[in-house]
């Protein structure tokens, strides 16, 4: 049962990041405000994955 919770948390984190990366325009500002309000509820793995992605993303 604990594995299911972990998988669900990972999937929800994935969906949040996917929505964040695909957004643009005024909707991006709204998501940014929501992110800053709710980031205390995000799992620590969200930040680890985010840092890893930043390091592996080539500069444009």
PDB file of N, CA and C in Angstrom:
ATOM      1  N   UNK A   1       0.822  -1.197   0.000  1.00  0.00           N
ATOM      2  CA  UNK A   1       0.000   0.000   0.000  1.00  0.00           C
ATOM      3  C   UNK A   1       0.868   1.264   0.000  1.00  0.00           C
ATOM      4  N   UNK A   2       1.999   1.204   0.717  1.00  0.00           N
ATOM      5  CA  UNK A   2       2.883   2.357   0.755  1.00  0.00           C
ATOM      6  C   UNK A   2       3.481   2.638  -0.626  1.00  0.00           C
ATOM      7  N   UNK A   3       3.756   1.589  -1.387  1.00  0.00           N
ATOM      8  CA  UNK A   3       4.297   1.765  -2.739  1.00  0.00           C
ATOM      9  C   UNK A   3       3.301   2.498  -3.625  1.00  0.00           C
ATOM     10  N   UNK A   4       2.017   2.202  -3.436  1.00  0.00           N
ATOM     11  CA  UNK A   4       0.987   2.889  -4.211  1.00  0.00           C
ATOM     12  C   UNK A   4       0.998   4.377  -3.907  1.00  0.00           C
ATOM     13  N   UNK A   5       1.135   4.745  -2.628  1.00  0.00           N
ATOM     14  CA  UNK A   5       1.200   6.152  -2.241  1.00  0.00           C
ATOM     15  C   UNK A   5       2.407   6.841  -2.842  1.00  0.00           C
ATOM     16  N   UNK A   6       3.531   6.153  -2.847  1.00  0.00           N
ATOM     17  CA  UNK A   6       4.753   6.705  -3.417  1.00  0.00           C
ATOM     18  C   UNK A   6       4.605   6.913  -4.922  1.00  0.00           C
ATOM     19  N   UNK A   7       4.014   5.927  -5.605  1.00  0.00           N
ATOM     20  CA  UNK A   7       3.796   6.050  -7.045  1.00  0.00           C
ATOM     21  C   UNK A   7       2.835   7.185  -7.355  1.00  0.00           C
ATOM     22  N   UNK A   8       1.804   7.324  -6.543  1.00  0.00           N
ATOM     23  CA  UNK A   8       0.831   8.395  -6.751  1.00  0.00           C
ATOM     24  C   UNK A   8       1.489   9.753  -6.560  1.00  0.00           C
ATOM     25  N   UNK A   9       2.310   9.879  -5.524  1.00  0.00           N
ATOM     26  CA  UNK A   9       3.004  11.138  -5.267  1.00  0.00           C
ATOM     27  C   UNK A   9       3.929  11.475  -6.438  1.00  0.00           C
ATOM     28  N   UNK A  10       4.637  10.482  -6.935  1.00  0.00           N
ATOM     29  CA  UNK A  10       5.536  10.707  -8.073  1.00  0.00           C
ATOM     30  C   UNK A  10       4.762  11.122  -9.316  1.00  0.00           C
ATOM     31  N   UNK A  11       3.624  10.481  -9.540  1.00  0.00           N
ATOM     32  CA  UNK A  11       2.815  10.800 -10.715  1.00  0.00           C
ATOM     33  C   UNK A  11       2.236  12.209 -10.616  1.00  0.00           C
ATOM     34  N   UNK A  12       1.761  12.591  -9.435  1.00  0.00           N
ATOM     35  CA  UNK A  12       1.219  13.938  -9.261  1.00  0.00           C
ATOM     36  C   UNK A  12       2.312  14.985  -9.442  1.00  0.00           C
ATOM     37  N   UNK A  13       3.510  14.684  -8.961  1.00  0.00           N
ATOM     38  CA  UNK A  13       4.640  15.589  -9.162  1.00  0.00           C
ATOM     39  C   UNK A  13       4.950  15.731 -10.646  1.00  0.00           C
ATOM     40  N   UNK A  14       4.930  14.614 -11.367  1.00  0.00           N
ATOM     41  CA  UNK A  14       5.155  14.629 -12.818  1.00  0.00           C
ATOM     42  C   UNK A  14       4.116  15.505 -13.520  1.00  0.00           C
ATOM     43  N   UNK A  15       2.842  15.341 -13.147  1.00  0.00           N
ATOM     44  CA  UNK A  15       1.784  16.125 -13.787  1.00  0.00           C
ATOM     45  C   UNK A  15       1.956  17.613 -13.523  1.00  0.00           C
ATOM     46  N   UNK A  16       2.327  17.965 -12.298  1.00  0.00           N
ATOM     47  CA  UNK A  16       2.540  19.370 -11.968  1.00  0.00           C
ATOM     48  C   UNK A  16       3.676  19.946 -12.803  1.00  0.00           C
ATOM     49  N   UNK A  17       4.778  19.212 -12.897  1.00  0.00           N
ATOM     50  CA  UNK A  17       5.914  19.696 -13.675  1.00  0.00           C
ATOM     51  C   UNK A  17       5.575  19.790 -15.162  1.00  0.00           C
ATOM     52  N   UNK A  18       4.834  18.817 -15.668  1.00  0.00           N
ATOM     53  CA  UNK A  18       4.445  18.825 -17.079  1.00  0.00           C
ATOM     54  C   UNK A  18       3.576  20.044 -17.367  1.00  0.00           C
ATOM     55  N   UNK A  19       2.611  20.311 -16.495  1.00  0.00           N
ATOM     56  CA  UNK A  19       1.741  21.474 -16.671  1.00  0.00           C
ATOM     57  C   UNK A  19       2.571  22.752 -16.621  1.00  0.00           C
ATOM     58  N   UNK A  20       3.522  22.805 -15.716  1.00  0.00           N
ATOM     59  CA  UNK A  20       4.364  23.985 -15.559  1.00  0.00           C
ATOM     60  C   UNK A  20       5.198  24.231 -16.820  1.00  0.00           C
ATOM     61  N   UNK A  21       5.793  23.185 -17.353  1.00  0.00           N
ATOM     62  CA  UNK A  21       6.680  23.338 -18.502  1.00  0.00           C
ATOM     63  C   UNK A  21       5.932  23.660 -19.790  1.00  0.00           C
ATOM     64  N   UNK A  22       4.680  23.232 -19.898  1.00  0.00           N
ATOM     65  CA  UNK A  22       3.922  23.450 -21.123  1.00  0.00           C
ATOM     66  C   UNK A  22       3.145  24.762 -21.116  1.00  0.00           C
ATOM     67  N   UNK A  23       3.169  25.471 -20.022  1.00  0.00           N
ATOM     68  CA  UNK A  23       2.359  26.688 -19.930  1.00  0.00           C
ATOM     69  C   UNK A  23       3.136  27.898 -20.450  1.00  0.00           C
ATOM     70  N   UNK A  24       2.393  28.890 -20.843  1.00  0.00           N
ATOM     71  CA  UNK A  24       3.003  30.147 -21.254  1.00  0.00           C
ATOM     72  C   UNK A  24       1.977  31.261 -21.140  1.00  0.00           C
ATOM     73  N   UNK A  25       2.418  32.493 -21.340  1.00  0.00           N
ATOM     74  CA  UNK A  25       1.519  33.632 -21.298  1.00  0.00           C
ATOM     75  C   UNK A  25       0.987  33.917 -19.900  1.00  0.00           C
ATOM     76  N   UNK A  26      -0.207  34.515 -19.827  1.00  0.00           N
ATOM     77  CA  UNK A  26      -0.784  34.900 -18.536  1.00  0.00           C
ATOM     78  C   UNK A  26      -1.014  33.699 -17.616  1.00  0.00           C
ATOM     79  N   UNK A  27      -1.256  32.549 -18.229  1.00  0.00           N
ATOM     80  CA  UNK A  27      -1.483  31.349 -17.433  1.00  0.00           C
ATOM     81  C   UNK A  27      -0.223  30.982 -16.647  1.00  0.00           C
ATOM     82  N   UNK A  28       0.949  31.277 -17.185  1.00  0.00           N
ATOM     83  CA  UNK A  28       2.211  30.989 -16.514  1.00  0.00           C
ATOM     84  C   UNK A  28       2.318  31.793 -15.215  1.00  0.00           C
ATOM     85  N   UNK A  29       1.891  33.036 -15.223  1.00  0.00           N
ATOM     86  CA  UNK A  29       1.918  33.864 -14.011  1.00  0.00           C
ATOM     87  C   UNK A  29       1.026  33.274 -12.933  1.00  0.00           C
ATOM     88  N   UNK A  30      -0.146  32.821 -13.341  1.00  0.00           N
ATOM     89  CA  UNK A  30      -1.073  32.207 -12.393  1.00  0.00           C
ATOM     90  C   UNK A  30      -0.461  30.937 -11.793  1.00  0.00           C
ATOM     91  N   UNK A  31       0.182  30.118 -12.634  1.00  0.00           N
ATOM     92  CA  UNK A  31       0.828  28.905 -12.135  1.00  0.00           C
ATOM     93  C   UNK A  31       1.997  29.236 -11.210  1.00  0.00           C
ATOM     94  N   UNK A  32       2.742  30.281 -11.533  1.00  0.00           N
ATOM     95  CA  UNK A  32       3.857  30.680 -10.682  1.00  0.00           C
ATOM     96  C   UNK A  32       3.361  31.083  -9.298  1.00  0.00           C
ATOM     97  N   UNK A  33       2.277  31.856  -9.248  1.00  0.00           N
ATOM     98  CA  UNK A  33       1.703  32.249  -7.965  1.00  0.00           C
ATOM     99  C   UNK A  33       1.203  31.029  -7.196  1.00  0.00           C
ATOM    100  N   UNK A  34       0.571  30.100  -7.903  1.00  0.00           N
ATOM    101  CA  UNK A  34       0.083  28.874  -7.266  1.00  0.00           C
ATOM    102  C   UNK A  34       1.260  28.050  -6.741  1.00  0.00           C
ATOM    103  N   UNK A  35       2.324  27.973  -7.526  1.00  0.00           N
ATOM    104  CA  UNK A  35       3.512  27.217  -7.115  1.00  0.00           C
ATOM    105  C   UNK A  35       4.102  27.785  -5.824  1.00  0.00           C
ATOM    106  N   UNK A  36       4.269  29.101  -5.762  1.00  0.00           N
ATOM    107  CA  UNK A  36       4.850  29.709  -4.571  1.00  0.00           C
ATOM    108  C   UNK A  36       3.955  29.519  -3.351  1.00  0.00           C
ATOM    109  N   UNK A  37       2.649  29.502  -3.553  1.00  0.00           N
ATOM    110  CA  UNK A  37       1.715  29.295  -2.454  1.00  0.00           C
ATOM    111  C   UNK A  37       1.740  27.855  -1.955  1.00  0.00           C
ATOM    112  N   UNK A  38       1.843  26.901  -2.882  1.00  0.00           N
ATOM    113  CA  UNK A  38       1.694  25.491  -2.524  1.00  0.00           C
ATOM    114  C   UNK A  38       3.003  24.712  -2.440  1.00  0.00           C
ATOM    115  N   UNK A  39       4.148  25.351  -2.696  1.00  0.00           N
ATOM    116  CA  UNK A  39       5.397  24.594  -2.778  1.00  0.00           C
ATOM    117  C   UNK A  39       5.773  23.907  -1.471  1.00  0.00           C
ATOM    118  N   UNK A  40       5.261  24.386  -0.346  1.00  0.00           N
ATOM    119  CA  UNK A  40       5.573  23.718   0.921  1.00  0.00           C
ATOM    120  C   UNK A  40       4.973  22.317   0.988  1.00  0.00           C
ATOM    121  N   UNK A  41       3.989  22.031   0.123  1.00  0.00           N
ATOM    122  CA  UNK A  41       3.361  20.714   0.110  1.00  0.00           C
ATOM    123  C   UNK A  41       4.007  19.749  -0.888  1.00  0.00           C
ATOM    124  N   UNK A  42       4.933  20.247  -1.698  1.00  0.00           N
ATOM    125  CA  UNK A  42       5.583  19.389  -2.691  1.00  0.00           C
ATOM    126  C   UNK A  42       6.583  18.458  -2.015  1.00  0.00           C
ATOM    127  N   UNK A  43       6.725  17.244  -2.527  1.00  0.00           N
ATOM    128  CA  UNK A  43       7.711  16.325  -1.947  1.00  0.00           C
ATOM    129  C   UNK A  43       9.129  16.811  -2.244  1.00  0.00           C
ATOM    130  N   UNK A  44      10.056  16.423  -1.382  1.00  0.00           N
ATOM    131  CA  UNK A  44      11.451  16.834  -1.576  1.00  0.00           C
ATOM    132  C   UNK A  44      12.009  16.349  -2.909  1.00  0.00           C
ATOM    133  N   UNK A  45      11.511  15.223  -3.394  1.00  0.00           N
ATOM    134  CA  UNK A  45      12.003  14.688  -4.666  1.00  0.00           C
ATOM    135  C   UNK A  45      11.722  15.645  -5.821  1.00  0.00           C
ATOM    136  N   UNK A  46      10.712  16.485  -5.697  1.00  0.00           N
ATOM    137  CA  UNK A  46      10.405  17.460  -6.744  1.00  0.00           C
ATOM    138  C   UNK A  46      11.598  18.374  -6.962  1.00  0.00           C
ATOM    139  N   UNK A  47      12.197  18.848  -5.883  1.00  0.00           N
ATOM    140  CA  UNK A  47      13.326  19.764  -5.991  1.00  0.00           C
ATOM    141  C   UNK A  47      14.570  19.057  -6.498  1.00  0.00           C
ATOM    142  N   UNK A  48      14.785  17.812  -6.073  1.00  0.00           N
ATOM    143  CA  UNK A  48      15.930  17.041  -6.559  1.00  0.00           C
ATOM    144  C   UNK A  48      15.824  16.820  -8.065  1.00  0.00           C
ATOM    145  N   UNK A  49      14.637  16.427  -8.539  1.00  0.00           N
ATOM    146  CA  UNK A  49      14.423  16.202  -9.969  1.00  0.00           C
ATOM    147  C   UNK A  49      14.581  17.495 -10.750  1.00  0.00           C
ATOM    148  N   UNK A  50      14.101  18.591 -10.179  1.00  0.00           N
ATOM    149  CA  UNK A  50      14.180  19.885 -10.846  1.00  0.00           C
ATOM    150  C   UNK A  50      15.638  20.300 -11.028  1.00  0.00           C
ATOM    151  N   UNK A  51      16.463  20.142  -9.998  1.00  0.00           N
ATOM    152  CA  UNK A  51      17.876  20.492 -10.096  1.00  0.00           C
ATOM    153  C   UNK A  51      18.591  19.605 -11.111  1.00  0.00           C
ATOM    154  N   UNK A  52      18.265  18.328 -11.121  1.00  0.00           N
ATOM    155  CA  UNK A  52      18.880  17.398 -12.073  1.00  0.00           C
ATOM    156  C   UNK A  52      18.518  17.780 -13.503  1.00  0.00           C
ATOM    157  N   UNK A  53      17.255  18.178 -13.715  1.00  0.00           N
ATOM    158  CA  UNK A  53      16.809  18.560 -15.052  1.00  0.00           C
ATOM    159  C   UNK A  53      17.509  19.833 -15.509  1.00  0.00           C
ATOM    160  N   UNK A  54      17.699  20.779 -14.602  1.00  0.00           N
ATOM    161  CA  UNK A  54      18.373  22.028 -14.948  1.00  0.00           C
ATOM    162  C   UNK A  54      19.811  21.744 -15.373  1.00  0.00           C
ATOM    163  N   UNK A  55      20.495  20.849 -14.655  1.00  0.00           N
ATOM    164  CA  UNK A  55      21.880  20.513 -14.988  1.00  0.00           C
ATOM    165  C   UNK A  55      21.994  19.806 -16.331  1.00  0.00           C
ATOM    166  N   UNK A  56      20.985  18.998 -16.676  1.00  0.00           N
ATOM    167  CA  UNK A  56      21.068  18.217 -17.911  1.00  0.00           C
ATOM    168  C   UNK A  56      20.501  18.941 -19.123  1.00  0.00           C
ATOM    169  N   UNK A  57      19.869  20.098 -18.923  1.00  0.00           N
ATOM    170  CA  UNK A  57      19.290  20.852 -20.029  1.00  0.00           C
ATOM    171  C   UNK A  57      20.377  21.700 -20.685  1.00  0.00           C
ATOM    172  N   UNK A  58      20.578  21.569 -21.999  1.00  0.00           N
ATOM    173  CA  UNK A  58      21.590  22.386 -22.681  1.00  0.00           C
ATOM    174  C   UNK A  58      21.167  23.851 -22.730  1.00  0.00           C
ATOM    175  N   UNK A  59      22.141  24.732 -22.672  1.00  0.00           N
ATOM    176  CA  UNK A  59      21.846  26.170 -22.764  1.00  0.00           C
ATOM    177  C   UNK A  59      21.507  26.533 -24.193  1.00  0.00           C
ATOM    178  N   UNK A  60      20.534  27.404 -24.341  1.00  0.00           N
ATOM    179  CA  UNK A  60      20.137  27.846 -25.685  1.00  0.00           C
ATOM    180  C   UNK A  60      20.711  29.192 -25.986  1.00  0.00           C
TER     181      UNK A  60
END
